[in-house]
Amino acid sequence: MYLIALCDDEEAELDKTERMLRHYGERHSGAAFAIERFESADDLLDKVREKEYMPDCILMDIYMPGKLGTDASRELRSMGNNGRIIFLTSSREHALDAFGVDASQYLVKPITEETLFPVLDKILGDMEEARRKYLLLRIDGKIQRVAVDEIVYCEAEGKTQYLYLSNGEQYGLRRTMAEIYGKLSCYQEFSRVGVAYIVNLVHVVSLNAQEVQMDTGKKIYLPRGSYQPLRKRYFEYYFGDSEVL
């Protein structure tokens, strides 16, 4: 499901763009949209600021009363929103400003399916690829994106699971270990170690019957019965089998 924000001061333009998005979704079974409409840039900014709204893609007019779309986009970026921005406008005057806020595309009205759909193909394809490499986590009341390859290990401590990253940061998550592993299990490099740990095999330097040495210096002591399954996973991941060369 992709969160799509439409921002235009003209209701007819919002209607038209929403119809095209619905049509695109009907033709592409994997493109499920949750569409929110905003009639001013300030309305969009307020929802992002107050409601923790994090749209994946924003289709925004540039010329709107009160605040230009390019100015609103700068504020979105300053708030940490990295959603893809497609500017829909009647003039090419602000094209350079648009790319200054890392806009994905700049389309001149009138917009048609023939001009919009190829842009959506590329953007949604890029987002799907990016989603495979990042986790979205709720940390301290905010949505934060964490790169999968930066996760070194996860450790259970009571009701809190701590995620440790390669840059030294750690995040406490109020989720069960099973829930976290459910998010990570689609990546082959992650393996359970007993009930208290999930490790990223990419960050494993060495392992033996007693412990796993991570590249951050962390040593994880292995519970009884966990060494052989972990050893097998480790060599399957790197060599396609469980034999040491």
C-alpha atoms as a PDB file:
ATOM      1  CA  MET A   1       0.000   0.000   0.000  1.00  0.00           C
ATOM      2  CA  TYR A   2       1.371   3.383  -1.049  1.00  0.00           C
ATOM      3  CA  LEU A   3       0.300   6.626   0.637  1.00  0.00           C
ATOM      4  CA  ILE A   4      -0.289   9.193  -2.100  1.00  0.00           C
ATOM      5  CA  ALA A   5      -0.881  12.884  -1.325  1.00  0.00           C
ATOM      6  CA  LEU A   6      -2.566  15.127  -3.906  1.00  0.00           C
ATOM      7  CA  CYS A   7      -2.151  18.856  -3.338  1.00  0.00           C
ATOM      8  CA  ASP A   8      -3.869  21.410  -5.603  1.00  0.00           C
ATOM      9  CA  ASP A   9      -6.037  24.426  -4.917  1.00  0.00           C
ATOM     10  CA  GLU A  10      -8.432  23.501  -7.755  1.00  0.00           C
ATOM     11  CA  GLU A  11     -10.919  20.761  -6.925  1.00  0.00           C
ATOM     12  CA  ALA A  12     -11.341  19.841 -10.596  1.00  0.00           C
ATOM     13  CA  GLU A  13      -7.607  19.153 -10.852  1.00  0.00           C
ATOM     14  CA  LEU A  14      -7.718  17.007  -7.722  1.00  0.00           C
ATOM     15  CA  ASP A  15     -10.638  15.046  -9.183  1.00  0.00           C
ATOM     16  CA  LYS A  16      -8.841  14.524 -12.472  1.00  0.00           C
ATOM     17  CA  THR A  17      -5.567  13.405 -10.898  1.00  0.00           C
ATOM     18  CA  GLU A  18      -7.344  11.059  -8.501  1.00  0.00           C
ATOM     19  CA  ARG A  19      -9.259   9.457 -11.389  1.00  0.00           C
ATOM     20  CA  MET A  20      -6.010   8.833 -13.254  1.00  0.00           C
ATOM     21  CA  LEU A  21      -4.448   7.279 -10.160  1.00  0.00           C
ATOM     22  CA  ARG A  22      -7.465   5.026  -9.648  1.00  0.00           C
ATOM     23  CA  HIS A  23      -7.272   3.970 -13.286  1.00  0.00           C
ATOM     24  CA  TYR A  24      -3.562   3.264 -12.930  1.00  0.00           C
ATOM     25  CA  GLY A  25      -4.284   1.129  -9.866  1.00  0.00           C
ATOM     26  CA  GLU A  26      -6.896  -0.869 -11.766  1.00  0.00           C
ATOM     27  CA  ARG A  27      -4.370  -1.642 -14.507  1.00  0.00           C
ATOM     28  CA  HIS A  28      -1.538  -2.514 -12.100  1.00  0.00           C
ATOM     29  CA  SER A  29      -2.624  -5.056  -9.511  1.00  0.00           C
ATOM     30  CA  GLY A  30       0.410  -4.447  -7.282  1.00  0.00           C
ATOM     31  CA  ALA A  31      -0.175  -0.684  -7.047  1.00  0.00           C
ATOM     32  CA  ALA A  32      -2.538  -0.254  -4.094  1.00  0.00           C
ATOM     33  CA  PHE A  33      -3.049   3.408  -3.166  1.00  0.00           C
ATOM     34  CA  ALA A  34      -4.390   5.246  -0.128  1.00  0.00           C
ATOM     35  CA  ILE A  35      -5.059   8.725  -1.518  1.00  0.00           C
ATOM     36  CA  GLU A  36      -5.325  11.895   0.596  1.00  0.00           C
ATOM     37  CA  ARG A  37      -6.400  15.205  -0.940  1.00  0.00           C
ATOM     38  CA  PHE A  38      -5.223  18.658   0.168  1.00  0.00           C
ATOM     39  CA  GLU A  39      -6.449  21.990  -1.195  1.00  0.00           C
ATOM     40  CA  SER A  40      -3.462  23.991   0.053  1.00  0.00           C
ATOM     41  CA  ALA A  41       0.195  23.434   0.818  1.00  0.00           C
ATOM     42  CA  ASP A  42      -0.384  24.451   4.436  1.00  0.00           C
ATOM     43  CA  ASP A  43      -3.047  21.747   4.869  1.00  0.00           C
ATOM     44  CA  LEU A  44      -0.546  19.134   3.720  1.00  0.00           C
ATOM     45  CA  LEU A  45       2.248  20.516   5.909  1.00  0.00           C
ATOM     46  CA  ASP A  46      -0.029  20.621   8.948  1.00  0.00           C
ATOM     47  CA  LYS A  47      -0.965  16.961   8.595  1.00  0.00           C
ATOM     48  CA  VAL A  48       2.647  15.896   8.112  1.00  0.00           C
ATOM     49  CA  ARG A  49       3.695  17.961  11.132  1.00  0.00           C
ATOM     50  CA  GLU A  50       0.848  17.096  13.514  1.00  0.00           C
ATOM     51  CA  LYS A  51      -0.371  13.663  12.469  1.00  0.00           C
ATOM     52  CA  GLU A  52       2.925  12.000  11.552  1.00  0.00           C
ATOM     53  CA  TYR A  53       1.593  11.591   8.009  1.00  0.00           C
ATOM     54  CA  MET A  54       4.368  10.210   5.789  1.00  0.00           C
ATOM     55  CA  PRO A  55       3.214  10.035   2.150  1.00  0.00           C
ATOM     56  CA  ASP A  56       5.284   7.853  -0.151  1.00  0.00           C
ATOM     57  CA  CYS A  57       4.519  10.066  -3.137  1.00  0.00           C
ATOM     58  CA  ILE A  58       3.224  13.636  -3.428  1.00  0.00           C
ATOM     59  CA  LEU A  59       1.619  15.026  -6.584  1.00  0.00           C
ATOM     60  CA  MET A  60       1.632  18.770  -6.042  1.00  0.00           C
ATOM     61  CA  ASP A  61       0.728  21.892  -7.954  1.00  0.00           C
ATOM     62  CA  ILE A  62       3.336  24.646  -7.773  1.00  0.00           C
ATOM     63  CA  TYR A  63       1.089  27.704  -8.078  1.00  0.00           C
ATOM     64  CA  MET A  64      -1.202  27.780  -5.041  1.00  0.00           C
ATOM     65  CA  PRO A  65      -2.446  30.693  -2.907  1.00  0.00           C
ATOM     66  CA  GLY A  66      -0.376  31.325   0.194  1.00  0.00           C
ATOM     67  CA  LYS A  67       2.599  29.112  -0.550  1.00  0.00           C
ATOM     68  CA  LEU A  68       4.296  27.778  -3.653  1.00  0.00           C
ATOM     69  CA  GLY A  69       4.596  24.025  -3.977  1.00  0.00           C
ATOM     70  CA  THR A  70       8.373  24.322  -4.199  1.00  0.00           C
ATOM     71  CA  ASP A  71       8.497  26.206  -0.887  1.00  0.00           C
ATOM     72  CA  ALA A  72       6.213  23.629   0.727  1.00  0.00           C
ATOM     73  CA  SER A  73       8.505  20.876  -0.553  1.00  0.00           C
ATOM     74  CA  ARG A  74      11.504  22.477   1.129  1.00  0.00           C
ATOM     75  CA  GLU A  75       9.586  22.422   4.410  1.00  0.00           C
ATOM     76  CA  LEU A  76       8.663  18.777   3.872  1.00  0.00           C
ATOM     77  CA  ARG A  77      12.309  17.907   3.327  1.00  0.00           C
ATOM     78  CA  SER A  78      13.316  19.838   6.455  1.00  0.00           C
ATOM     79  CA  MET A  79      10.795  17.747   8.428  1.00  0.00           C
ATOM     80  CA  GLY A  80      12.457  14.579   7.215  1.00  0.00           C
ATOM     81  CA  ASN A  81       9.919  13.569   4.586  1.00  0.00           C
ATOM     82  CA  ASN A  82      11.667  11.765   1.735  1.00  0.00           C
ATOM     83  CA  GLY A  83       8.560  10.997  -0.311  1.00  0.00           C
ATOM     84  CA  ARG A  84       8.793  11.178  -4.102  1.00  0.00           C
ATOM     85  CA  ILE A  85       7.504  14.534  -5.373  1.00  0.00           C
ATOM     86  CA  ILE A  86       5.853  14.998  -8.762  1.00  0.00           C
ATOM     87  CA  PHE A  87       5.127  18.617  -9.594  1.00  0.00           C
ATOM     88  CA  LEU A  88       2.071  19.267 -11.762  1.00  0.00           C
ATOM     89  CA  THR A  89       2.075  22.834 -13.033  1.00  0.00           C
ATOM     90  CA  SER A  90       1.033  25.154 -15.813  1.00  0.00           C
ATOM     91  CA  SER A  91       4.487  26.732 -16.261  1.00  0.00           C
ATOM     92  CA  ARG A  92       8.107  25.643 -16.614  1.00  0.00           C
ATOM     93  CA  GLU A  93       9.262  28.714 -14.682  1.00  0.00           C
ATOM     94  CA  HIS A  94      10.098  26.821 -11.485  1.00  0.00           C
ATOM     95  CA  ALA A  95      11.688  23.742 -13.041  1.00  0.00           C
ATOM     96  CA  LEU A  96      15.118  24.431 -11.524  1.00  0.00           C
ATOM     97  CA  ASP A  97      13.595  25.044  -8.084  1.00  0.00           C
ATOM     98  CA  ALA A  98      11.726  21.766  -8.409  1.00  0.00           C
ATOM     99  CA  PHE A  99      14.865  19.736  -8.867  1.00  0.00           C
ATOM    100  CA  GLY A 100      16.478  21.683  -6.036  1.00  0.00           C
ATOM    101  CA  VAL A 101      14.139  19.847  -3.646  1.00  0.00           C
ATOM    102  CA  ASP A 102      14.928  16.487  -5.251  1.00  0.00           C
ATOM    103  CA  ALA A 103      11.671  16.273  -7.176  1.00  0.00           C
ATOM    104  CA  SER A 104      11.204  13.074  -9.134  1.00  0.00           C
ATOM    105  CA  GLN A 105       9.376  14.693 -12.044  1.00  0.00           C
ATOM    106  CA  TYR A 106       8.036  17.993 -13.322  1.00  0.00           C
ATOM    107  CA  LEU A 107       4.944  17.655 -15.525  1.00  0.00           C
ATOM    108  CA  VAL A 108       3.314  20.554 -17.332  1.00  0.00           C
ATOM    109  CA  LYS A 109      -0.495  20.665 -17.371  1.00  0.00           C
ATOM    110  CA  PRO A 110      -2.719  19.448 -18.849  1.00  0.00           C
ATOM    111  CA  ILE A 111      -1.656  16.083 -17.433  1.00  0.00           C
ATOM    112  CA  THR A 112      -2.748  12.948 -19.271  1.00  0.00           C
ATOM    113  CA  GLU A 113      -2.456   9.266 -18.531  1.00  0.00           C
ATOM    114  CA  GLU A 114       0.105   9.037 -21.341  1.00  0.00           C
ATOM    115  CA  THR A 115       2.409  11.478 -19.519  1.00  0.00           C
ATOM    116  CA  LEU A 116       1.664  10.414 -15.926  1.00  0.00           C
ATOM    117  CA  PHE A 117       1.653   6.605 -16.153  1.00  0.00           C
ATOM    118  CA  PRO A 118       5.293   6.171 -17.307  1.00  0.00           C
ATOM    119  CA  VAL A 119       6.381   8.420 -14.436  1.00  0.00           C
ATOM    120  CA  LEU A 120       4.394   6.299 -11.965  1.00  0.00           C
ATOM    121  CA  ASP A 121       5.927   3.138 -13.438  1.00  0.00           C
ATOM    122  CA  LYS A 122       9.419   4.384 -12.693  1.00  0.00           C
ATOM    123  CA  ILE A 123       8.698   5.919  -9.304  1.00  0.00           C
ATOM    124  CA  LEU A 124       6.733   2.947  -7.954  1.00  0.00           C
ATOM    125  CA  GLY A 125       9.385   0.587  -9.283  1.00  0.00           C
ATOM    126  CA  ASP A 126      12.086   2.567  -7.485  1.00  0.00           C
ATOM    127  CA  MET A 127      10.051   2.671  -4.274  1.00  0.00           C
ATOM    128  CA  GLU A 128       9.391  -1.061  -4.351  1.00  0.00           C
ATOM    129  CA  GLU A 129      13.107  -1.712  -4.744  1.00  0.00           C
ATOM    130  CA  ALA A 130      13.872   0.686  -1.876  1.00  0.00           C
ATOM    131  CA  ARG A 131      11.274  -0.975   0.357  1.00  0.00           C
ATOM    132  CA  ARG A 132      13.113  -4.243   0.022  1.00  0.00           C
ATOM    133  CA  LYS A 133      16.174  -2.644   1.603  1.00  0.00           C
ATOM    134  CA  TYR A 134      14.621  -0.576   4.414  1.00  0.00           C
ATOM    135  CA  LEU A 135      12.410  -1.076   7.432  1.00  0.00           C
ATOM    136  CA  LEU A 136       9.937   1.520   8.623  1.00  0.00           C
ATOM    137  CA  LEU A 137       9.981   1.661  12.414  1.00  0.00           C
ATOM    138  CA  ARG A 138       8.006   3.710  14.920  1.00  0.00           C
ATOM    139  CA  ILE A 139      10.643   5.135  17.265  1.00  0.00           C
ATOM    140  CA  ASP A 140       9.818   7.682  19.984  1.00  0.00           C
ATOM    141  CA  GLY A 141       6.492   8.430  18.327  1.00  0.00           C
ATOM    142  CA  LYS A 142       8.016   9.069  14.908  1.00  0.00           C
ATOM    143  CA  ILE A 143       8.277   6.954  11.774  1.00  0.00           C
ATOM    144  CA  GLN A 144      11.917   6.283  10.935  1.00  0.00           C
ATOM    145  CA  ARG A 145      13.492   4.440   8.007  1.00  0.00           C
ATOM    146  CA  VAL A 146      16.365   2.080   8.847  1.00  0.00           C
ATOM    147  CA  ALA A 147      18.589   0.472   6.226  1.00  0.00           C
ATOM    148  CA  VAL A 148      18.517  -3.313   6.542  1.00  0.00           C
ATOM    149  CA  ASP A 149      22.247  -3.703   5.923  1.00  0.00           C
ATOM    150  CA  GLU A 150      23.008  -1.401   8.875  1.00  0.00           C
ATOM    151  CA  ILE A 151      21.246  -3.705  11.351  1.00  0.00           C
ATOM    152  CA  VAL A 152      23.881  -5.765  13.171  1.00  0.00           C
ATOM    153  CA  TYR A 153      21.679  -7.629  15.630  1.00  0.00           C
ATOM    154  CA  CYS A 154      18.526  -7.437  17.708  1.00  0.00           C
ATOM    155  CA  GLU A 155      18.469  -8.363  21.387  1.00  0.00           C
ATOM    156  CA  ALA A 156      15.507  -9.003  23.678  1.00  0.00           C
ATOM    157  CA  GLU A 157      15.592  -7.366  27.091  1.00  0.00           C
ATOM    158  CA  GLY A 158      12.363  -7.911  28.965  1.00  0.00           C
ATOM    159  CA  LYS A 159       9.449  -6.512  26.963  1.00  0.00           C
ATOM    160  CA  THR A 160      11.712  -4.301  24.850  1.00  0.00           C
ATOM    161  CA  GLN A 161      13.685  -5.474  21.832  1.00  0.00           C
ATOM    162  CA  TYR A 162      16.813  -3.445  21.052  1.00  0.00           C
ATOM    163  CA  LEU A 163      17.995  -2.979  17.495  1.00  0.00           C
ATOM    164  CA  TYR A 164      21.742  -2.301  17.198  1.00  0.00           C
ATOM    165  CA  LEU A 165      23.117  -0.588  14.088  1.00  0.00           C
ATOM    166  CA  SER A 166      26.585  -0.562  12.560  1.00  0.00           C
ATOM    167  CA  ASN A 167      26.978   3.177  13.286  1.00  0.00           C
ATOM    168  CA  GLY A 168      26.617   2.569  17.027  1.00  0.00           C
ATOM    169  CA  GLU A 169      23.000   3.687  17.325  1.00  0.00           C
ATOM    170  CA  GLN A 170      20.433   1.548  19.108  1.00  0.00           C
ATOM    171  CA  TYR A 171      16.641   1.680  19.120  1.00  0.00           C
ATOM    172  CA  GLY A 172      14.227   0.198  21.632  1.00  0.00           C
ATOM    173  CA  LEU A 173      11.118  -1.330  20.061  1.00  0.00           C
ATOM    174  CA  ARG A 174       7.943  -2.305  21.878  1.00  0.00           C
ATOM    175  CA  ARG A 175       7.407  -5.307  19.638  1.00  0.00           C
ATOM    176  CA  THR A 176       7.848  -9.021  20.190  1.00  0.00           C
ATOM    177  CA  MET A 177      10.913 -10.766  18.814  1.00  0.00           C
ATOM    178  CA  ALA A 178       8.593 -12.831  16.609  1.00  0.00           C
ATOM    179  CA  GLU A 179       7.122  -9.660  15.093  1.00  0.00           C
ATOM    180  CA  ILE A 180      10.557  -8.224  14.382  1.00  0.00           C
ATOM    181  CA  TYR A 181      11.808 -11.462  12.858  1.00  0.00           C
ATOM    182  CA  GLY A 182       8.673 -11.541  10.732  1.00  0.00           C
ATOM    183  CA  LYS A 183       9.852  -8.272   9.168  1.00  0.00           C
ATOM    184  CA  LEU A 184      13.449  -9.431   8.751  1.00  0.00           C
ATOM    185  CA  SER A 185      12.954 -13.058   7.732  1.00  0.00           C
ATOM    186  CA  CYS A 186      12.449 -12.133   4.058  1.00  0.00           C
ATOM    187  CA  TYR A 187      16.131 -11.130   4.015  1.00  0.00           C
ATOM    188  CA  GLN A 188      18.361 -14.210   3.830  1.00  0.00           C
ATOM    189  CA  GLU A 189      21.104 -12.658   5.921  1.00  0.00           C
ATOM    190  CA  PHE A 190      19.075 -12.668   9.163  1.00  0.00           C
ATOM    191  CA  SER A 191      18.958 -15.642  11.503  1.00  0.00           C
ATOM    192  CA  ARG A 192      17.425 -16.306  14.911  1.00  0.00           C
ATOM    193  CA  VAL A 193      19.867 -17.234  17.695  1.00  0.00           C
ATOM    194  CA  GLY A 194      17.891 -18.774  20.502  1.00  0.00           C
ATOM    195  CA  VAL A 195      14.938 -16.733  21.702  1.00  0.00           C
ATOM    196  CA  ALA A 196      16.833 -13.562  22.609  1.00  0.00           C
ATOM    197  CA  TYR A 197      18.745 -12.631  19.434  1.00  0.00           C
ATOM    198  CA  ILE A 198      18.444 -12.034  15.717  1.00  0.00           C
ATOM    199  CA  VAL A 199      21.788 -11.592  13.958  1.00  0.00           C
ATOM    200  CA  ASN A 200      22.745 -10.231  10.560  1.00  0.00           C
ATOM    201  CA  LEU A 201      25.120 -12.840   9.099  1.00  0.00           C
ATOM    202  CA  VAL A 202      26.827 -10.139   7.032  1.00  0.00           C
ATOM    203  CA  HIS A 203      28.192  -8.696  10.283  1.00  0.00           C
ATOM    204  CA  VAL A 204      29.376 -12.033  11.728  1.00  0.00           C
ATOM    205  CA  VAL A 205      33.184 -12.216  11.879  1.00  0.00           C
ATOM    206  CA  SER A 206      33.462 -15.683  13.416  1.00  0.00           C
ATOM    207  CA  LEU A 207      31.474 -18.247  15.352  1.00  0.00           C
ATOM    208  CA  ASN A 208      32.142 -21.314  17.424  1.00  0.00           C
ATOM    209  CA  ALA A 209      30.193 -23.514  19.807  1.00  0.00           C
ATOM    210  CA  GLN A 210      30.338 -20.864  22.534  1.00  0.00           C
ATOM    211  CA  GLU A 211      29.892 -17.488  20.855  1.00  0.00           C
ATOM    212  CA  VAL A 212      29.334 -15.339  17.784  1.00  0.00           C
ATOM    213  CA  GLN A 213      31.734 -12.463  17.157  1.00  0.00           C
ATOM    214  CA  MET A 214      30.169  -9.478  15.378  1.00  0.00           C
ATOM    215  CA  ASP A 215      32.180  -6.924  13.400  1.00  0.00           C
ATOM    216  CA  THR A 216      31.243  -4.217  15.915  1.00  0.00           C
ATOM    217  CA  GLY A 217      33.114  -6.113  18.650  1.00  0.00           C
ATOM    218  CA  LYS A 218      29.952  -7.501  20.214  1.00  0.00           C
ATOM    219  CA  LYS A 219      30.142 -11.118  21.421  1.00  0.00           C
ATOM    220  CA  ILE A 220      26.890 -13.055  21.580  1.00  0.00           C
ATOM    221  CA  TYR A 221      27.098 -16.137  23.762  1.00  0.00           C
ATOM    222  CA  LEU A 222      25.199 -19.039  22.270  1.00  0.00           C
ATOM    223  CA  PRO A 223      22.501 -20.843  24.227  1.00  0.00           C
ATOM    224  CA  ARG A 224      22.514 -24.630  24.306  1.00  0.00           C
ATOM    225  CA  GLY A 225      21.508 -26.220  21.014  1.00  0.00           C
ATOM    226  CA  SER A 226      21.796 -23.061  18.905  1.00  0.00           C
ATOM    227  CA  TYR A 227      25.279 -23.516  17.434  1.00  0.00           C
ATOM    228  CA  GLN A 228      24.597 -26.214  14.825  1.00  0.00           C
ATOM    229  CA  PRO A 229      21.494 -24.511  13.324  1.00  0.00           C
ATOM    230  CA  LEU A 230      23.329 -21.174  13.200  1.00  0.00           C
ATOM    231  CA  ARG A 231      26.446 -22.754  11.678  1.00  0.00           C
ATOM    232  CA  LYS A 232      24.309 -24.387   8.989  1.00  0.00           C
ATOM    233  CA  ARG A 233      22.538 -21.081   8.206  1.00  0.00           C
ATOM    234  CA  TYR A 234      25.838 -19.235   8.073  1.00  0.00           C
ATOM    235  CA  PHE A 235      27.446 -21.507   5.510  1.00  0.00           C
ATOM    236  CA  GLU A 236      24.257 -21.871   3.487  1.00  0.00           C
ATOM    237  CA  TYR A 237      24.132 -18.090   3.216  1.00  0.00           C
ATOM    238  CA  TYR A 238      27.746 -17.701   2.095  1.00  0.00           C
ATOM    239  CA  PHE A 239      28.447 -20.925   0.213  1.00  0.00           C
ATOM    240  CA  GLY A 240      25.071 -22.446  -0.620  1.00  0.00           C
ATOM    241  CA  ASP A 241      25.723 -25.421   1.664  1.00  0.00           C
ATOM    242  CA  SER A 242      26.827 -26.203   5.193  1.00  0.00           C
ATOM    243  CA  GLU A 243      30.371 -27.345   4.422  1.00  0.00           C
ATOM    244  CA  VAL A 244      33.481 -25.400   5.360  1.00  0.00           C
ATOM    245  CA  LEU A 245      35.897 -25.103   2.443  1.00  0.00           C
END
